[in-house]
Amino acid sequence: MLPTVVKVLYGVGAIGMLVVFLLFIRMAIELNRVLPPQKKFSMLELNMRRHEVKRLHEEFFPVSSLRTTWFVLMVASVMTMAAAVVLAVKPG
């Protein structure tokens, strides 16, 4: 059975990744507001075009606290989940 700290770290990281996903959708919505109708992104194709969404968001919104928060939370969530995995597999 996994120690409680591993479960908590992994859970916090997973919840953080869910928030990251929601922030990315928010970025796409913000971007769709300024794009012409023929260039708008469908919410169903966001995963396939995530680099394009990020690039265009940087172009249209050079200074964005939304994108900064998205990036910082993504890195923190991945590191938290990685710490949980390392603690779960370390010997002893």
N, C-alpha and C. Protein backbone atom coordinates (compact mmCIF):
# COMPACT_ATOMS: atom_id res chain seq x y z
N MET A 1 0.85 -1.19 0.00
CA MET A 1 0.00 0.00 0.00
C MET A 1 0.89 1.25 0.00
N LEU A 2 0.50 2.22 -0.83
CA LEU A 2 1.30 3.43 -0.95
C LEU A 2 1.13 4.32 0.27
N PRO A 3 2.21 4.97 0.68
CA PRO A 3 2.10 5.92 1.79
C PRO A 3 1.17 7.09 1.44
N THR A 4 0.62 7.66 2.44
CA THR A 4 -0.33 8.77 2.26
C THR A 4 0.31 9.94 1.54
N VAL A 5 1.57 10.23 1.82
CA VAL A 5 2.23 11.38 1.19
C VAL A 5 2.30 11.20 -0.33
N VAL A 6 2.51 9.98 -0.80
CA VAL A 6 2.56 9.73 -2.24
C VAL A 6 1.19 9.98 -2.85
N LYS A 7 0.15 9.49 -2.21
CA LYS A 7 -1.21 9.70 -2.72
C LYS A 7 -1.57 11.18 -2.75
N VAL A 8 -1.20 11.90 -1.71
CA VAL A 8 -1.51 13.33 -1.65
C VAL A 8 -0.76 14.10 -2.74
N LEU A 9 0.54 13.83 -2.87
CA LEU A 9 1.32 14.51 -3.90
C LEU A 9 0.78 14.23 -5.30
N TYR A 10 0.48 12.98 -5.56
CA TYR A 10 -0.03 12.63 -6.88
C TYR A 10 -1.40 13.27 -7.12
N GLY A 11 -2.24 13.27 -6.10
CA GLY A 11 -3.56 13.90 -6.22
C GLY A 11 -3.47 15.40 -6.46
N VAL A 12 -2.58 16.06 -5.74
CA VAL A 12 -2.39 17.50 -5.93
C VAL A 12 -1.88 17.78 -7.35
N GLY A 13 -0.94 16.97 -7.81
CA GLY A 13 -0.42 17.14 -9.17
C GLY A 13 -1.49 16.90 -10.22
N ALA A 14 -2.32 15.89 -10.01
CA ALA A 14 -3.40 15.59 -10.96
C ALA A 14 -4.43 16.71 -11.00
N ILE A 15 -4.79 17.24 -9.84
CA ILE A 15 -5.73 18.36 -9.80
C ILE A 15 -5.12 19.58 -10.48
N GLY A 16 -3.82 19.80 -10.26
CA GLY A 16 -3.13 20.89 -10.94
C GLY A 16 -3.16 20.74 -12.45
N MET A 17 -3.00 19.52 -12.94
CA MET A 17 -3.05 19.28 -14.39
C MET A 17 -4.45 19.54 -14.95
N LEU A 18 -5.48 19.23 -14.17
CA LEU A 18 -6.84 19.54 -14.59
C LEU A 18 -7.02 21.06 -14.71
N VAL A 19 -6.52 21.79 -13.75
CA VAL A 19 -6.60 23.26 -13.80
C VAL A 19 -5.80 23.79 -14.98
N VAL A 20 -4.64 23.18 -15.27
CA VAL A 20 -3.83 23.57 -16.43
C VAL A 20 -4.65 23.39 -17.71
N PHE A 21 -5.34 22.27 -17.82
CA PHE A 21 -6.18 22.01 -18.99
C PHE A 21 -7.27 23.08 -19.13
N LEU A 22 -7.90 23.43 -18.01
CA LEU A 22 -8.95 24.45 -18.05
C LEU A 22 -8.39 25.83 -18.40
N LEU A 23 -7.18 26.13 -17.92
CA LEU A 23 -6.55 27.41 -18.28
C LEU A 23 -6.20 27.45 -19.77
N PHE A 24 -5.80 26.29 -20.32
CA PHE A 24 -5.50 26.24 -21.75
C PHE A 24 -6.77 26.48 -22.57
N ILE A 25 -7.87 25.92 -22.13
CA ILE A 25 -9.15 26.17 -22.82
C ILE A 25 -9.48 27.66 -22.73
N ARG A 26 -9.23 28.25 -21.59
CA ARG A 26 -9.47 29.69 -21.42
C ARG A 26 -8.59 30.51 -22.37
N MET A 27 -7.34 30.08 -22.56
CA MET A 27 -6.46 30.75 -23.52
C MET A 27 -7.03 30.66 -24.93
N ALA A 28 -7.54 29.49 -25.30
CA ALA A 28 -8.11 29.32 -26.64
C ALA A 28 -9.36 30.18 -26.81
N ILE A 29 -10.17 30.27 -25.78
CA ILE A 29 -11.37 31.12 -25.85
C ILE A 29 -10.97 32.58 -26.03
N GLU A 30 -9.97 33.01 -25.26
CA GLU A 30 -9.46 34.39 -25.36
C GLU A 30 -8.93 34.65 -26.77
N LEU A 31 -8.24 33.67 -27.32
CA LEU A 31 -7.68 33.80 -28.67
C LEU A 31 -8.79 33.83 -29.71
N ASN A 32 -9.80 32.99 -29.56
CA ASN A 32 -10.91 32.95 -30.53
C ASN A 32 -11.66 34.27 -30.60
N ARG A 33 -11.62 35.05 -29.52
CA ARG A 33 -12.31 36.35 -29.53
C ARG A 33 -11.66 37.34 -30.49
N VAL A 34 -10.36 37.17 -30.75
CA VAL A 34 -9.67 38.14 -31.61
C VAL A 34 -9.38 37.59 -33.01
N LEU A 35 -9.59 36.30 -33.22
CA LEU A 35 -9.33 35.71 -34.54
C LEU A 35 -10.54 35.90 -35.46
N PRO A 36 -10.29 36.01 -36.76
CA PRO A 36 -11.42 36.06 -37.70
C PRO A 36 -12.17 34.72 -37.69
N PRO A 37 -13.44 34.73 -38.08
CA PRO A 37 -14.26 33.52 -37.99
C PRO A 37 -13.66 32.28 -38.67
N GLN A 38 -13.01 32.45 -39.81
CA GLN A 38 -12.46 31.30 -40.52
C GLN A 38 -11.20 30.73 -39.86
N LYS A 39 -10.60 31.45 -38.92
CA LYS A 39 -9.37 31.01 -38.25
C LYS A 39 -9.62 30.51 -36.82
N LYS A 40 -10.86 30.59 -36.35
CA LYS A 40 -11.15 30.20 -34.96
C LYS A 40 -10.89 28.71 -34.75
N PHE A 41 -10.55 28.37 -33.51
CA PHE A 41 -10.27 26.99 -33.14
C PHE A 41 -11.54 26.33 -32.60
N SER A 42 -11.75 25.10 -33.00
CA SER A 42 -12.82 24.29 -32.42
C SER A 42 -12.28 23.73 -31.10
N MET A 43 -13.11 23.66 -30.10
CA MET A 43 -12.68 23.13 -28.81
C MET A 43 -12.30 21.65 -28.92
N LEU A 44 -12.81 20.96 -29.92
CA LEU A 44 -12.51 19.53 -30.10
C LEU A 44 -11.12 19.29 -30.69
N GLU A 45 -10.57 20.30 -31.36
CA GLU A 45 -9.27 20.12 -32.00
C GLU A 45 -8.13 20.79 -31.23
N LEU A 46 -8.38 21.27 -30.04
CA LEU A 46 -7.36 22.00 -29.29
C LEU A 46 -6.12 21.15 -29.02
N ASN A 47 -6.31 19.90 -28.67
CA ASN A 47 -5.16 19.05 -28.33
C ASN A 47 -4.25 18.85 -29.54
N MET A 48 -4.84 18.75 -30.73
CA MET A 48 -4.03 18.54 -31.93
C MET A 48 -3.31 19.82 -32.36
N ARG A 49 -3.82 20.96 -31.96
CA ARG A 49 -3.25 22.23 -32.41
C ARG A 49 -2.73 23.07 -31.25
N ARG A 50 -2.29 22.41 -30.17
CA ARG A 50 -1.91 23.15 -28.96
C ARG A 50 -0.72 24.07 -29.18
N HIS A 51 0.24 23.67 -30.01
CA HIS A 51 1.40 24.54 -30.25
C HIS A 51 0.99 25.79 -31.04
N GLU A 52 0.06 25.60 -31.95
CA GLU A 52 -0.42 26.75 -32.73
C GLU A 52 -1.21 27.71 -31.84
N VAL A 53 -2.02 27.16 -30.94
CA VAL A 53 -2.79 27.99 -30.01
C VAL A 53 -1.83 28.80 -29.14
N LYS A 54 -0.82 28.13 -28.60
CA LYS A 54 0.15 28.83 -27.74
C LYS A 54 0.91 29.91 -28.52
N ARG A 55 1.35 29.58 -29.73
CA ARG A 55 2.09 30.54 -30.55
C ARG A 55 1.23 31.77 -30.89
N LEU A 56 0.00 31.52 -31.31
CA LEU A 56 -0.88 32.64 -31.66
C LEU A 56 -1.25 33.47 -30.43
N HIS A 57 -1.41 32.79 -29.29
CA HIS A 57 -1.72 33.53 -28.07
C HIS A 57 -0.56 34.44 -27.70
N GLU A 58 0.67 33.94 -27.86
CA GLU A 58 1.85 34.78 -27.61
C GLU A 58 1.90 35.96 -28.57
N GLU A 59 1.48 35.73 -29.80
CA GLU A 59 1.50 36.79 -30.81
C GLU A 59 0.46 37.87 -30.52
N PHE A 60 -0.76 37.46 -30.19
CA PHE A 60 -1.84 38.41 -29.94
C PHE A 60 -1.80 39.03 -28.55
N PHE A 61 -1.26 38.28 -27.58
CA PHE A 61 -1.18 38.75 -26.20
C PHE A 61 0.26 38.57 -25.70
N PRO A 62 1.15 39.50 -26.09
CA PRO A 62 2.57 39.33 -25.73
C PRO A 62 2.81 39.26 -24.23
N VAL A 63 2.04 40.00 -23.45
CA VAL A 63 2.16 39.96 -21.99
C VAL A 63 0.84 39.38 -21.47
N SER A 64 0.90 38.17 -20.94
CA SER A 64 -0.32 37.51 -20.51
C SER A 64 -0.11 36.80 -19.17
N SER A 65 -0.83 37.25 -18.17
CA SER A 65 -0.75 36.57 -16.87
C SER A 65 -1.42 35.19 -16.95
N LEU A 66 -2.38 35.03 -17.84
CA LEU A 66 -3.03 33.74 -18.03
C LEU A 66 -2.03 32.70 -18.52
N ARG A 67 -1.25 33.05 -19.53
CA ARG A 67 -0.26 32.12 -20.09
C ARG A 67 0.85 31.85 -19.08
N THR A 68 1.26 32.85 -18.33
CA THR A 68 2.29 32.66 -17.31
C THR A 68 1.80 31.72 -16.22
N THR A 69 0.57 31.93 -15.75
CA THR A 69 -0.01 31.07 -14.73
C THR A 69 -0.13 29.64 -15.26
N TRP A 70 -0.58 29.50 -16.49
CA TRP A 70 -0.70 28.19 -17.12
C TRP A 70 0.64 27.45 -17.12
N PHE A 71 1.68 28.15 -17.53
CA PHE A 71 3.00 27.51 -17.62
C PHE A 71 3.55 27.15 -16.24
N VAL A 72 3.48 28.07 -15.30
CA VAL A 72 4.01 27.81 -13.95
C VAL A 72 3.26 26.67 -13.29
N LEU A 73 1.94 26.66 -13.40
CA LEU A 73 1.15 25.58 -12.80
C LEU A 73 1.42 24.24 -13.48
N MET A 74 1.64 24.27 -14.79
CA MET A 74 1.95 23.03 -15.50
C MET A 74 3.28 22.45 -14.99
N VAL A 75 4.30 23.27 -14.88
CA VAL A 75 5.60 22.80 -14.40
C VAL A 75 5.49 22.30 -12.96
N ALA A 76 4.80 23.05 -12.11
CA ALA A 76 4.66 22.65 -10.71
C ALA A 76 3.88 21.34 -10.58
N SER A 77 2.85 21.17 -11.38
CA SER A 77 2.05 19.94 -11.31
C SER A 77 2.85 18.73 -11.77
N VAL A 78 3.59 18.89 -12.84
CA VAL A 78 4.42 17.78 -13.33
C VAL A 78 5.49 17.43 -12.30
N MET A 79 6.10 18.42 -11.70
CA MET A 79 7.13 18.16 -10.69
C MET A 79 6.52 17.48 -9.45
N THR A 80 5.33 17.88 -9.07
CA THR A 80 4.66 17.26 -7.92
C THR A 80 4.34 15.80 -8.20
N MET A 81 3.82 15.53 -9.40
CA MET A 81 3.51 14.15 -9.76
C MET A 81 4.79 13.32 -9.88
N ALA A 82 5.85 13.91 -10.39
CA ALA A 82 7.13 13.19 -10.51
C ALA A 82 7.69 12.87 -9.13
N ALA A 83 7.56 13.80 -8.20
CA ALA A 83 8.03 13.55 -6.84
C ALA A 83 7.25 12.39 -6.22
N ALA A 84 5.95 12.32 -6.48
CA ALA A 84 5.13 11.22 -5.97
C ALA A 84 5.60 9.89 -6.54
N VAL A 85 5.91 9.87 -7.83
CA VAL A 85 6.37 8.63 -8.46
C VAL A 85 7.72 8.23 -7.91
N VAL A 86 8.62 9.18 -7.75
CA VAL A 86 9.95 8.88 -7.20
C VAL A 86 9.82 8.31 -5.78
N LEU A 87 8.97 8.93 -4.97
CA LEU A 87 8.78 8.42 -3.60
C LEU A 87 8.14 7.04 -3.59
N ALA A 88 7.28 6.78 -4.56
CA ALA A 88 6.59 5.49 -4.61
C ALA A 88 7.53 4.36 -5.03
N VAL A 89 8.50 4.64 -5.87
CA VAL A 89 9.38 3.56 -6.39
C VAL A 89 10.74 3.48 -5.72
N LYS A 90 11.06 4.44 -4.89
CA LYS A 90 12.38 4.39 -4.25
C LYS A 90 12.45 3.22 -3.28
N PRO A 91 13.58 2.55 -3.24
CA PRO A 91 13.70 1.42 -2.32
C PRO A 91 13.80 1.88 -0.87
N GLY A 92 13.26 1.07 -0.01
CA GLY A 92 13.42 1.33 1.42
C GLY A 92 12.28 2.04 1.98
